[in-house]
Amino acid sequence: MTGYRIIALLLVAAGLTLMPWYALQDSFFAFKWLAKFAGKDQAPALLQIANHSKTWLILLPVLLLAATGLYARPVNAAKAAEGALRSWGKMVVFVGAVGGLYVLAQGFAIGPQGYSFESLKATMPAISGGQFGMGAGAMLVTFGFIMICADGIASMGYFRGDRFVSASLLLVGALVLMFVFFPVARILFEGFLDKDRSLSVIALWDRLAQPKLWNLTWSCFWGGTGCGVAWNTLWLALLCATGTTFLGLMLALIVTRSNFRGKKVLRLLTVLPIITPPFVVGLALIMLFGRAGVVNEFLEYAFGIPQTRWIYGLPGVLLAQLFSFTPVAFLVLIGVVEGVSPTLEEASQSLHASRWQTFRYVSLPLMAPGLANAFLVGFIESIADFGNPVVLGGNFGVMATEIYFAIVGAQLDQGKAAVYSLILLVFALFAFWLQRKATARKSFVTVSGKGDT
């Protein structure tokens, strides 16, 4: 038996016999659980089965014995036929996959009050008590079964038989599913629940059809208060993406194609907003252009222009986002501009094309993929931005702030937050689809007889 397989079996065995199966109220590394090792809250899985009637966990030691039996009689890869090796690998994959999935499934199916779903209460045998969150023991067992499953996949010939690569990919996939896709799916699921916590498509439709979301008037285009937050978010994102892409391209051209002496300083200044905290830009704009800001007070003192609150709303949020996200577009586009072949531009000018014609018909088409990427990044950054709208938004509501207030506001409404999150996800996917569609059918590869120096 190889060292890899011994480690996998030891992890499962340690998780079942030595580590607390459930999450602890105190820190695990305080080791207070050792004093109550057999207690209901601190016991490992085997003691939970024997002493605390957690009979649904009995499948896990059975699967450990099955994996041990398979490893005790492995198939010799050099002597066995390929079919026999693949069959043995499939059995190992089955044991590992069932073990890992069962740990997760029983955790979701059984909660503190027993079965978590009414359908399980009606069809499954009655159980005494429930269970809380999974602890160190469950984590070790899950990781051990992932290693066993990965071993079976590698034994079947995948990943060139490399167990480490197979286990790494499975572990990364499991972590992504657990900490990315599951939370997102859980949040979106809330949008289908009515006030009685029952599944209802009508509840989703009622939340989607709210006038606060989709109300559309001419004032939407200049930040009026009668516009739905979905249109506000979309319009702001389009303006921000367009502005950041344009400004980022101008800065990239200045740095790469001009004799401007302050290139190093410009590079530093363009990156500076990225490393500043999210609320700093908004607060700085308030101190400059707010009703009692430096600029407004100077204009009133020098020219008699009355102080206004124009910075609060669409203009202020857009200005703050342009300051915050233009450096991102600049970093995306500077490599694109540097990658355009100078010989093509020189060839265009040698054919008596003007600088504008060279830029319009040679350089700009070659920059199209980078421009599309910068636009997409600016769009996503805008719809996901929370700090600037919450500081400068005023009566101009966007999806990010509405989601926040739906969770921490006067009335907790997880369904509303879920629907708003779903709309944001649709906006992001639509922008990504447009970016792919705009650049997918064209080739932007340049062919030259010699390399550029």
Protein backbone atom coordinates (compact mmCIF):
# COMPACT_ATOMS: atom_id res chain seq x y z
CA MET A 1 0.00 0.00 0.00
CA THR A 2 1.46 3.35 -1.04
CA GLY A 3 2.02 6.28 1.29
CA TYR A 4 -0.71 8.30 -0.45
CA ARG A 5 -3.32 5.63 0.27
CA ILE A 6 -2.18 5.23 3.87
CA ILE A 7 -2.56 8.99 4.42
CA ALA A 8 -6.05 8.97 2.90
CA LEU A 9 -7.19 6.12 5.14
CA LEU A 10 -5.60 7.68 8.23
CA LEU A 11 -7.39 10.98 7.57
CA VAL A 12 -10.76 9.25 7.42
CA ALA A 13 -9.97 7.12 10.48
CA ALA A 14 -8.75 10.12 12.50
CA GLY A 15 -11.85 12.11 11.57
CA LEU A 16 -14.11 9.27 12.70
CA THR A 17 -12.30 8.32 15.92
CA LEU A 18 -10.22 11.22 17.23
CA MET A 19 -11.65 14.59 16.17
CA PRO A 20 -14.92 16.21 17.33
CA TRP A 21 -17.49 15.57 14.62
CA TYR A 22 -19.48 18.75 15.20
CA ALA A 23 -18.39 22.38 15.34
CA LEU A 24 -17.34 23.59 18.78
CA GLN A 25 -18.49 26.73 20.53
CA ASP A 26 -14.99 27.25 21.89
CA SER A 27 -11.93 27.35 19.71
CA PHE A 28 -10.72 23.96 18.48
CA PHE A 29 -7.12 24.89 19.29
CA ALA A 30 -7.99 25.69 22.90
CA PHE A 31 -8.28 21.88 23.27
CA LYS A 32 -10.98 22.20 25.94
CA TRP A 33 -12.90 19.51 24.06
CA LEU A 34 -10.33 16.92 25.17
CA ALA A 35 -11.66 17.12 28.74
CA LYS A 36 -15.14 16.14 27.48
CA PHE A 37 -14.03 13.85 24.69
CA ALA A 38 -17.10 11.60 24.93
CA GLY A 39 -19.58 14.45 25.44
CA LYS A 40 -22.51 14.97 23.10
CA ASP A 41 -21.04 18.10 21.55
CA GLN A 42 -17.39 16.99 21.50
CA ALA A 43 -17.48 13.29 20.63
CA PRO A 44 -16.08 11.93 17.36
CA ALA A 45 -18.34 10.15 14.89
CA LEU A 46 -17.93 6.62 16.29
CA LEU A 47 -18.87 7.76 19.80
CA GLN A 48 -21.75 9.79 18.36
CA ILE A 49 -23.05 6.55 16.84
CA ALA A 50 -22.48 4.41 19.94
CA ASN A 51 -23.41 6.79 22.76
CA HIS A 52 -25.60 9.53 21.28
CA SER A 53 -27.84 7.72 18.77
CA LYS A 54 -26.44 9.39 15.65
CA THR A 55 -27.16 6.24 13.67
CA TRP A 56 -27.18 8.01 10.30
CA LEU A 57 -23.38 8.27 10.54
CA ILE A 58 -22.89 4.50 10.50
CA LEU A 59 -22.39 4.44 6.73
CA LEU A 60 -19.08 6.32 7.05
CA PRO A 61 -17.11 3.63 8.96
CA VAL A 62 -18.59 1.03 6.59
CA LEU A 63 -17.19 3.00 3.63
CA LEU A 64 -13.83 3.26 5.42
CA LEU A 65 -13.74 -0.54 5.74
CA ALA A 66 -14.66 -0.87 2.06
CA ALA A 67 -11.82 1.46 1.04
CA THR A 68 -9.41 -0.45 3.29
CA GLY A 69 -10.48 -3.72 1.68
CA LEU A 70 -9.94 -2.35 -1.83
CA TYR A 71 -6.52 -1.01 -0.89
CA ALA A 72 -5.58 -4.29 0.81
CA ARG A 73 -6.00 -6.11 -2.49
CA PRO A 74 -4.91 -3.59 -5.14
CA VAL A 75 -4.68 -4.42 -8.83
CA ASN A 76 -1.12 -4.50 -10.14
CA ALA A 77 -1.02 -1.91 -12.91
CA ALA A 78 1.90 -3.63 -14.64
CA LYS A 79 0.42 -7.13 -14.71
CA ALA A 80 -3.35 -6.64 -14.78
CA ALA A 81 -5.35 -6.02 -17.92
CA GLU A 82 -6.51 -2.46 -18.54
CA GLY A 83 -10.15 -3.43 -18.01
CA ALA A 84 -9.45 -4.93 -14.57
CA LEU A 85 -7.53 -1.83 -13.49
CA ARG A 86 -10.33 0.47 -14.64
CA SER A 87 -12.92 -1.65 -12.83
CA TRP A 88 -10.91 -1.49 -9.61
CA GLY A 89 -10.50 2.27 -10.07
CA LYS A 90 -14.26 2.69 -10.57
CA MET A 91 -14.94 0.92 -7.27
CA VAL A 92 -12.47 3.20 -5.49
CA VAL A 93 -14.06 6.26 -7.09
CA PHE A 94 -17.49 5.03 -6.01
CA VAL A 95 -16.44 4.56 -2.38
CA GLY A 96 -14.68 7.94 -2.22
CA ALA A 97 -17.47 9.86 -3.96
CA VAL A 98 -20.23 8.29 -1.86
CA GLY A 99 -18.30 9.02 1.34
CA GLY A 100 -17.61 12.66 0.54
CA LEU A 101 -21.11 13.35 -0.77
CA TYR A 102 -22.74 11.55 2.14
CA VAL A 103 -20.97 13.77 4.67
CA LEU A 104 -22.37 16.83 2.92
CA ALA A 105 -25.82 15.34 2.30
CA GLN A 106 -26.44 14.28 5.89
CA GLY A 107 -25.27 17.70 7.08
CA PHE A 108 -27.90 19.42 4.94
CA ALA A 109 -30.64 16.84 5.53
CA ILE A 110 -30.48 16.82 9.34
CA GLY A 111 -30.45 20.04 11.32
CA PRO A 112 -30.73 21.01 15.00
CA GLN A 113 -34.43 20.06 15.12
CA GLY A 114 -34.12 16.82 13.15
CA TYR A 115 -34.90 16.49 9.47
CA SER A 116 -34.59 19.77 7.62
CA PHE A 117 -37.21 18.96 4.96
CA GLU A 118 -40.83 17.90 5.35
CA SER A 119 -40.44 15.24 2.66
CA LEU A 120 -37.75 13.52 4.74
CA LYS A 121 -39.94 13.60 7.84
CA ALA A 122 -42.69 11.82 5.91
CA THR A 123 -40.54 9.15 4.25
CA MET A 124 -37.52 8.48 6.49
CA PRO A 125 -37.39 6.67 9.87
CA ALA A 126 -37.73 8.85 12.94
CA ILE A 127 -34.52 10.04 14.59
CA SER A 128 -33.84 11.27 18.09
CA GLY A 129 -32.37 14.74 18.26
CA GLY A 130 -30.53 16.59 15.55
CA GLN A 131 -27.11 17.97 14.80
CA PHE A 132 -25.34 21.28 14.39
CA GLY A 133 -22.61 22.36 12.00
CA MET A 134 -19.86 20.02 10.91
CA GLY A 135 -16.53 20.20 12.73
CA ALA A 136 -12.93 19.10 12.37
CA GLY A 137 -13.83 15.41 12.20
CA ALA A 138 -16.22 15.91 9.31
CA MET A 139 -13.65 18.05 7.50
CA LEU A 140 -10.93 15.38 7.79
CA VAL A 141 -13.30 12.63 6.67
CA THR A 142 -14.42 14.65 3.65
CA PHE A 143 -10.84 15.43 2.67
CA GLY A 144 -9.84 11.79 3.08
CA PHE A 145 -12.68 10.57 0.86
CA ILE A 146 -11.73 13.18 -1.76
CA MET A 147 -8.21 11.73 -1.76
CA ILE A 148 -9.63 8.22 -2.16
CA CYS A 149 -11.85 9.33 -5.04
CA ALA A 150 -8.89 11.08 -6.69
CA ASP A 151 -6.81 7.92 -6.33
CA GLY A 152 -9.47 5.95 -8.17
CA ILE A 153 -9.65 8.53 -10.96
CA ALA A 154 -5.87 8.46 -11.38
CA SER A 155 -5.87 4.65 -11.36
CA MET A 156 -8.31 4.71 -14.28
CA GLY A 157 -5.69 6.54 -16.34
CA TYR A 158 -6.89 10.11 -16.04
CA PHE A 159 -4.43 12.95 -15.37
CA ARG A 160 -1.70 10.56 -16.58
CA GLY A 161 -2.10 8.60 -13.38
CA ASP A 162 -0.94 11.52 -11.20
CA ARG A 163 -2.77 11.26 -7.87
CA PHE A 164 -1.58 14.66 -6.67
CA VAL A 165 -2.99 16.48 -9.71
CA SER A 166 -6.24 14.54 -9.47
CA ALA A 167 -6.64 15.27 -5.75
CA SER A 168 -5.74 18.94 -6.21
CA LEU A 169 -8.35 19.44 -8.93
CA LEU A 170 -11.03 17.63 -6.96
CA LEU A 171 -10.24 19.64 -3.82
CA VAL A 172 -10.29 22.96 -5.68
CA GLY A 173 -13.56 22.00 -7.36
CA ALA A 174 -15.09 21.03 -4.02
CA LEU A 175 -13.99 24.31 -2.42
CA VAL A 176 -15.39 26.35 -5.32
CA LEU A 177 -18.71 24.50 -5.11
CA MET A 178 -18.86 24.90 -1.34
CA PHE A 179 -17.76 28.52 -0.94
CA VAL A 180 -18.87 30.08 -4.25
CA PHE A 181 -21.68 28.24 -5.99
CA PHE A 182 -23.51 27.02 -2.91
CA PRO A 183 -23.75 30.43 -1.17
CA VAL A 184 -24.86 32.05 -4.43
CA ALA A 185 -27.44 29.33 -5.06
CA ARG A 186 -28.63 29.59 -1.46
CA ILE A 187 -29.12 33.34 -1.76
CA LEU A 188 -30.96 33.05 -5.08
CA PHE A 189 -33.16 30.30 -3.62
CA GLU A 190 -34.50 32.84 -1.12
CA GLY A 191 -36.11 34.71 -4.01
CA PHE A 192 -38.54 31.82 -4.54
CA LEU A 193 -39.77 31.73 -0.92
CA ASP A 194 -42.97 33.46 0.13
CA LYS A 195 -43.78 34.80 3.59
CA ASP A 196 -44.54 31.28 4.82
CA ARG A 197 -41.13 30.06 3.58
CA SER A 198 -42.79 27.94 0.89
CA LEU A 199 -41.58 27.68 -2.69
CA SER A 200 -43.57 29.97 -4.96
CA VAL A 201 -42.89 31.25 -8.46
CA ILE A 202 -45.49 33.94 -7.82
CA ALA A 203 -43.36 35.28 -4.96
CA LEU A 204 -40.41 35.59 -7.34
CA TRP A 205 -42.57 37.33 -9.96
CA ASP A 206 -43.98 39.78 -7.40
CA ARG A 207 -40.47 40.76 -6.35
CA LEU A 208 -39.28 41.08 -9.95
CA ALA A 209 -42.25 43.22 -10.97
CA GLN A 210 -41.80 45.88 -8.29
CA PRO A 211 -42.14 49.42 -9.70
CA LYS A 212 -39.14 50.43 -7.61
CA LEU A 213 -37.04 48.20 -9.86
CA TRP A 214 -38.28 49.00 -13.35
CA ASN A 215 -39.95 52.42 -13.23
CA LEU A 216 -38.69 54.29 -16.31
CA THR A 217 -38.92 58.03 -17.00
CA TRP A 218 -36.95 60.54 -19.04
CA SER A 219 -35.28 61.70 -15.83
CA CYS A 220 -33.41 58.38 -15.70
CA PHE A 221 -30.82 59.71 -18.14
CA TRP A 222 -29.72 62.57 -15.89
CA GLY A 223 -30.16 60.91 -12.50
CA GLY A 224 -33.74 61.79 -11.66
CA THR A 225 -35.37 60.34 -8.56
CA GLY A 226 -38.29 58.67 -10.34
CA CYS A 227 -36.20 55.99 -12.04
CA GLY A 228 -36.09 52.34 -11.01
CA VAL A 229 -32.94 51.11 -9.32
CA ALA A 230 -32.34 48.51 -12.04
CA TRP A 231 -32.23 51.21 -14.74
CA ASN A 232 -30.12 53.41 -12.46
CA THR A 233 -27.60 50.60 -12.05
CA LEU A 234 -27.52 49.76 -15.75
CA TRP A 235 -27.22 53.38 -16.91
CA LEU A 236 -24.50 54.15 -14.36
CA ALA A 237 -22.58 51.01 -15.37
CA LEU A 238 -22.73 51.91 -19.07
CA LEU A 239 -21.53 55.46 -18.40
CA CYS A 240 -18.79 54.25 -16.07
CA ALA A 241 -17.58 51.52 -18.43
CA THR A 242 -17.50 53.93 -21.38
CA GLY A 243 -15.74 56.65 -19.41
CA THR A 244 -13.15 54.40 -17.80
CA THR A 245 -12.36 52.71 -21.12
CA PHE A 246 -11.89 56.06 -22.87
CA LEU A 247 -9.79 57.58 -20.08
CA GLY A 248 -7.75 54.40 -19.66
CA LEU A 249 -6.99 54.35 -23.38
CA MET A 250 -5.94 58.00 -23.34
CA LEU A 251 -3.60 57.43 -20.41
CA ALA A 252 -2.16 54.31 -22.04
CA LEU A 253 -1.49 56.22 -25.27
CA ILE A 254 0.16 59.07 -23.35
CA VAL A 255 2.45 56.66 -21.49
CA THR A 256 3.39 54.51 -24.50
CA ARG A 257 3.17 56.80 -27.56
CA SER A 258 4.19 60.26 -26.38
CA ASN A 259 7.29 62.06 -25.15
CA PHE A 260 5.59 63.09 -21.93
CA ARG A 261 8.29 63.47 -19.28
CA GLY A 262 6.17 62.56 -16.29
CA LYS A 263 5.41 59.00 -17.34
CA LYS A 264 6.63 57.46 -14.09
CA VAL A 265 4.63 59.92 -12.01
CA LEU A 266 1.57 59.30 -14.19
CA ARG A 267 1.89 55.55 -13.72
CA LEU A 268 2.06 56.05 -9.96
CA LEU A 269 -0.94 58.39 -9.90
CA THR A 270 -3.06 56.05 -12.02
CA VAL A 271 -2.44 53.12 -9.71
CA LEU A 272 -2.95 55.14 -6.50
CA PRO A 273 -6.79 54.95 -6.47
CA ILE A 274 -6.61 51.15 -6.57
CA ILE A 275 -4.81 50.92 -3.23
CA THR A 276 -6.98 53.50 -1.45
CA PRO A 277 -9.85 52.29 0.77
CA PRO A 278 -13.25 52.22 -0.99
CA PHE A 279 -14.78 55.20 0.84
CA VAL A 280 -11.82 57.56 0.51
CA VAL A 281 -12.63 58.76 -3.01
CA GLY A 282 -16.25 59.51 -2.12
CA LEU A 283 -15.31 61.39 1.05
CA ALA A 284 -12.65 63.35 -0.83
CA LEU A 285 -15.20 64.47 -3.42
CA ILE A 286 -17.57 65.56 -0.65
CA MET A 287 -14.82 67.64 0.94
CA LEU A 288 -14.09 69.26 -2.44
CA PHE A 289 -17.51 69.60 -4.07
CA GLY A 290 -19.98 69.13 -1.21
CA ARG A 291 -22.30 71.90 -0.08
CA ALA A 292 -19.65 73.09 2.37
CA GLY A 293 -16.75 71.87 0.26
CA VAL A 294 -13.66 73.85 -0.67
CA VAL A 295 -14.64 74.39 -4.31
CA ASN A 296 -18.24 75.44 -3.58
CA GLU A 297 -17.19 77.87 -0.87
CA PHE A 298 -14.58 79.41 -3.18
CA LEU A 299 -17.11 79.80 -6.03
CA GLU A 300 -19.59 81.46 -3.70
CA TYR A 301 -16.94 83.76 -2.24
CA ALA A 302 -15.30 84.70 -5.53
CA PHE A 303 -18.22 84.71 -8.00
CA GLY A 304 -21.36 84.66 -5.88
CA ILE A 305 -22.42 81.25 -7.18
CA PRO A 306 -24.74 79.69 -4.58
CA GLN A 307 -23.71 76.44 -2.99
CA THR A 308 -25.49 73.33 -4.31
CA ARG A 309 -25.69 69.60 -3.64
CA TRP A 310 -25.01 68.47 -7.21
CA ILE A 311 -22.35 66.02 -6.04
CA TYR A 312 -25.01 63.80 -4.45
CA GLY A 313 -26.63 61.56 -7.03
CA LEU A 314 -25.65 60.28 -10.45
CA PRO A 315 -22.96 62.94 -11.17
CA GLY A 316 -21.12 62.34 -7.92
CA VAL A 317 -21.29 58.54 -8.05
CA LEU A 318 -20.16 58.54 -11.69
CA LEU A 319 -17.28 60.90 -10.94
CA ALA A 320 -16.15 58.78 -8.00
CA GLN A 321 -16.31 55.59 -10.06
CA LEU A 322 -14.33 57.19 -12.88
CA PHE A 323 -11.60 58.10 -10.40
CA SER A 324 -11.70 54.63 -8.82
CA PHE A 325 -11.90 52.38 -11.89
CA THR A 326 -10.00 54.24 -14.60
CA PRO A 327 -6.69 52.84 -13.23
CA VAL A 328 -8.05 49.33 -13.74
CA ALA A 329 -8.85 50.10 -17.38
CA PHE A 330 -5.42 51.70 -17.75
CA LEU A 331 -3.67 48.56 -16.50
CA VAL A 332 -5.73 46.44 -18.90
CA LEU A 333 -5.09 48.67 -21.91
CA ILE A 334 -1.44 49.58 -21.49
CA GLY A 335 -0.38 46.06 -22.41
CA VAL A 336 -2.78 46.10 -25.36
CA VAL A 337 -1.38 49.37 -26.69
CA GLU A 338 2.19 48.16 -26.26
CA GLY A 339 1.29 44.99 -28.15
CA VAL A 340 0.19 46.80 -31.32
CA SER A 341 2.93 46.40 -33.92
CA PRO A 342 4.66 49.74 -34.64
CA THR A 343 5.63 48.53 -38.12
CA LEU A 344 1.97 48.42 -39.14
CA GLU A 345 1.50 52.02 -38.10
CA GLU A 346 4.69 53.03 -39.89
CA ALA A 347 3.50 51.22 -43.02
CA SER A 348 0.20 53.09 -42.85
CA GLN A 349 1.93 56.46 -42.55
CA SER A 350 4.30 55.57 -45.40
CA LEU A 351 1.18 55.21 -47.56
CA HIS A 352 0.36 58.86 -46.75
CA ALA A 353 -2.31 58.09 -44.17
CA SER A 354 -2.82 60.76 -41.54
CA ARG A 355 -2.30 60.05 -37.86
CA TRP A 356 -6.05 59.92 -37.33
CA GLN A 357 -6.53 57.50 -40.24
CA THR A 358 -3.73 55.29 -38.91
CA PHE A 359 -5.29 55.24 -35.47
CA ARG A 360 -8.83 54.75 -36.81
CA TYR A 361 -8.16 51.99 -39.34
CA VAL A 362 -5.01 50.26 -38.02
CA SER A 363 -4.40 50.73 -34.30
CA LEU A 364 -7.97 50.89 -32.99
CA PRO A 365 -9.19 47.65 -34.64
CA LEU A 366 -6.18 45.80 -33.20
CA MET A 367 -7.02 47.18 -29.75
CA ALA A 368 -10.67 46.03 -29.96
CA PRO A 369 -10.30 42.93 -27.73
CA GLY A 370 -8.52 44.96 -25.05
CA LEU A 371 -11.13 47.72 -25.26
CA ALA A 372 -13.90 45.15 -24.89
CA ASN A 373 -12.14 43.64 -21.86
CA ALA A 374 -11.66 47.06 -20.26
CA PHE A 375 -15.33 47.90 -20.90
CA LEU A 376 -16.42 44.63 -19.31
CA VAL A 377 -14.22 45.19 -16.25
CA GLY A 378 -15.54 48.74 -15.83
CA PHE A 379 -19.13 47.53 -16.16
CA ILE A 380 -18.70 44.78 -13.57
CA GLU A 381 -16.83 47.07 -11.17
CA SER A 382 -19.62 49.64 -11.42
CA ILE A 383 -22.55 47.32 -10.72
CA ALA A 384 -20.62 45.73 -7.83
CA ASP A 385 -19.54 49.05 -6.28
CA PHE A 386 -21.04 49.77 -2.87
CA GLY A 387 -18.83 52.36 -1.20
CA ASN A 388 -19.28 55.22 -3.66
CA PRO A 389 -23.09 54.92 -4.06
CA VAL A 390 -23.68 54.66 -0.33
CA VAL A 391 -21.59 57.81 0.31
CA LEU A 392 -22.60 59.93 -2.69
CA GLY A 393 -25.84 58.34 -3.90
CA GLY A 394 -28.32 60.46 -1.99
CA ASN A 395 -31.73 59.69 -3.53
CA PHE A 396 -30.06 57.90 -6.45
CA GLY A 397 -30.46 54.24 -5.53
CA VAL A 398 -28.54 51.38 -7.14
CA MET A 399 -28.79 47.63 -6.72
CA ALA A 400 -25.78 47.23 -4.43
CA THR A 401 -27.08 49.68 -1.82
CA GLU A 402 -30.63 48.30 -2.07
CA ILE A 403 -29.33 44.79 -1.37
CA TYR A 404 -27.46 46.09 1.66
CA PHE A 405 -30.49 47.92 3.07
CA ALA A 406 -32.70 44.86 2.44
CA ILE A 407 -30.45 42.88 4.79
CA VAL A 408 -29.56 45.44 7.48
CA GLY A 409 -32.46 47.87 7.10
CA ALA A 410 -35.53 48.30 9.28
CA GLN A 411 -37.19 45.22 7.74
CA LEU A 412 -35.13 42.13 6.96
CA ASP A 413 -36.11 40.95 3.46
CA GLN A 414 -33.81 38.21 2.22
CA GLY A 415 -36.10 37.48 -0.73
CA LYS A 416 -35.78 41.04 -1.99
CA ALA A 417 -32.00 40.92 -1.62
CA ALA A 418 -31.94 37.58 -3.48
CA VAL A 419 -33.96 38.92 -6.42
CA TYR A 420 -31.81 42.04 -6.66
CA SER A 421 -28.70 39.84 -6.60
CA LEU A 422 -30.20 37.73 -9.39
CA ILE A 423 -30.74 40.84 -11.52
CA LEU A 424 -27.14 41.93 -10.93
CA LEU A 425 -25.98 38.47 -11.99
CA VAL A 426 -28.06 38.71 -15.19
CA PHE A 427 -26.56 42.14 -15.95
CA ALA A 428 -23.04 40.79 -15.48
CA LEU A 429 -23.66 37.70 -17.64
CA PHE A 430 -25.27 39.83 -20.35
CA ALA A 431 -22.26 42.15 -20.43
CA PHE A 432 -19.93 39.15 -20.65
CA TRP A 433 -22.01 37.68 -23.50
CA LEU A 434 -21.89 40.97 -25.41
CA GLN A 435 -18.12 41.18 -24.94
CA ARG A 436 -17.66 37.65 -26.24
CA LYS A 437 -20.02 38.18 -29.16
CA ALA A 438 -18.30 41.42 -30.18
CA THR A 439 -14.87 39.80 -30.46
CA ALA A 440 -15.57 36.13 -31.18
CA ARG A 441 -16.04 36.30 -34.97
CA LYS A 442 -12.92 38.31 -35.77
CA SER A 443 -9.22 37.55 -35.73
CA PHE A 444 -6.87 40.12 -34.25
CA VAL A 445 -3.58 38.35 -35.03
CA THR A 446 -0.95 40.35 -36.91
CA VAL A 447 1.47 38.62 -39.27
CA SER A 448 4.83 40.24 -39.93
CA GLY A 449 7.90 39.19 -41.85
CA LYS A 450 10.23 40.20 -39.03
CA GLY A 451 9.96 40.85 -35.34
CA ASP A 452 9.40 44.35 -33.96
CA THR A 453 12.18 45.83 -31.93
